[in-house]
Protein backbone atom coordinates (compact mmCIF):
# COMPACT_ATOMS: atom_id res chain seq x y z
CA MET A 1 93.00 114.79 111.98
CA THR A 2 93.92 112.89 115.10
CA ALA A 3 95.95 109.72 114.98
CA ASN A 4 94.52 106.25 115.41
CA SER A 5 95.99 102.77 115.74
CA LEU A 6 95.55 101.94 112.05
CA HIS A 7 97.49 105.03 110.97
CA PHE A 8 100.12 104.23 113.59
CA ALA A 9 100.59 100.64 112.38
CA ALA A 10 100.91 101.73 108.75
CA ALA A 11 103.40 104.46 109.65
CA VAL A 12 105.47 102.02 111.71
CA ARG A 13 105.66 99.68 108.72
CA ASP A 14 106.65 102.45 106.29
CA LEU A 15 109.17 104.12 108.60
CA CYS A 16 110.81 100.85 109.63
CA GLU A 17 111.19 99.81 106.00
CA ALA A 18 112.68 103.20 105.12
CA SER A 19 115.01 102.99 108.13
CA ARG A 20 116.34 99.63 107.00
CA HIS A 21 116.93 101.04 103.49
CA LEU A 22 118.97 103.81 105.12
CA GLY A 23 121.11 101.23 106.92
CA LEU A 24 119.55 101.83 110.32
CA ASP A 25 118.22 99.48 112.97
CA PRO A 26 114.57 100.49 113.38
CA PRO A 27 113.28 100.47 116.94
CA THR A 28 110.20 98.62 118.08
CA PHE A 29 107.18 100.91 118.41
CA ARG A 30 104.25 100.63 120.79
CA SER A 31 101.54 102.76 122.33
CA PRO A 32 100.84 104.21 124.83
CA PRO A 33 103.93 105.15 126.85
CA ALA A 34 103.93 104.88 130.62
CA GLY A 35 103.71 107.94 132.81
CA GLY A 36 101.44 110.13 130.72
CA THR A 37 104.21 111.44 128.44
CA HIS A 38 104.00 111.82 124.67
CA ARG A 39 107.07 109.71 123.90
CA THR A 40 109.48 107.45 125.76
CA ILE A 41 112.40 105.34 124.65
CA ARG A 42 113.68 102.24 126.39
CA ARG A 43 117.01 100.76 125.41
CA ARG A 44 117.24 97.00 125.04
CA THR A 45 120.30 94.84 124.95
CA PRO A 46 122.00 94.24 122.65
CA GLY A 47 121.60 97.61 121.01
CA GLY A 48 117.87 97.76 120.26
CA ALA A 49 115.24 100.17 121.53
CA THR A 50 111.51 100.42 122.09
CA VAL A 51 109.82 103.75 121.37
CA ALA A 52 106.41 104.22 122.99
CA ILE A 53 104.23 107.01 121.61
CA GLN A 54 100.93 108.47 122.76
CA ILE A 55 98.59 108.47 119.78
CA ARG A 56 95.17 109.02 121.29
CA GLY A 57 93.96 112.62 121.11
CA ARG A 58 97.06 113.96 119.37
CA PRO A 59 97.47 115.49 115.91
CA TRP A 60 98.80 112.99 113.39
CA GLY A 61 101.76 115.23 112.46
CA ALA A 62 102.89 115.27 116.10
CA VAL A 63 102.75 111.48 116.27
CA VAL A 64 104.80 111.13 113.07
CA ALA A 65 107.34 113.65 114.38
CA ASP A 66 107.73 111.59 117.57
CA MET A 67 108.17 108.40 115.52
CA ILE A 68 110.89 109.96 113.35
CA GLU A 69 112.71 111.41 116.36
CA GLY A 70 112.48 108.01 118.03
CA ILE A 71 114.34 106.47 115.09
CA ILE A 72 116.99 109.21 115.25
CA VAL A 73 117.54 108.74 118.99
CA ALA A 74 117.43 104.93 118.89
CA ASN A 75 120.19 104.94 116.28
CA HIS A 76 122.34 107.50 118.16
CA LEU A 77 122.37 109.83 115.16
CA GLN A 78 123.73 113.36 115.44
CA GLY A 79 124.65 116.31 113.29
CA MET A 80 124.36 116.14 109.53
CA ARG A 81 123.62 112.40 109.49
CA ALA A 82 120.64 112.96 111.81
CA ASP A 83 119.42 115.84 109.64
CA THR A 84 119.74 113.80 106.44
CA VAL A 85 117.92 110.79 107.89
CA ARG A 86 115.22 113.00 109.40
CA ASP A 87 114.63 114.64 106.01
CA ASP A 88 114.53 111.25 104.25
CA LEU A 89 112.01 109.85 106.75
CA TRP A 90 109.82 112.96 106.48
CA ARG A 91 109.79 112.51 102.71
CA VAL A 92 108.48 108.98 103.22
CA MET A 93 105.67 110.30 105.43
CA GLU A 94 105.06 113.66 103.70
CA ASP A 95 102.13 112.59 101.52
CA VAL A 96 100.46 110.74 104.38
CA VAL A 97 100.75 113.71 106.76
CA THR A 98 99.62 116.19 104.10
CA LEU A 99 96.56 114.13 103.22
CA SER A 100 95.61 113.63 106.86
CA MET A 101 95.91 117.36 107.62
CA ALA A 102 93.57 118.13 104.74
CA ALA A 103 90.93 115.71 106.07
């Protein structure tokens, strides 16, 4: 299944809520990114970030992966903390991605 704007909006809501529960500052998400890339990140002051993701024509799992990595990068996470957060965010999205891949 390819991603669409409704899936994207719902995923943003769920991932941002989960990020806040993990003590993180969720970035702002938008689509599409400039320059024909799949994902970009723009830092804002003070301390925020905007993650732009290409959703049109891409597999939903790839879009979710870019969203999760955007949260990791925006929060400057590394090492075990990044791995733990990444796993937690994938658990939030696991059922959604599994259902969409079966469709």
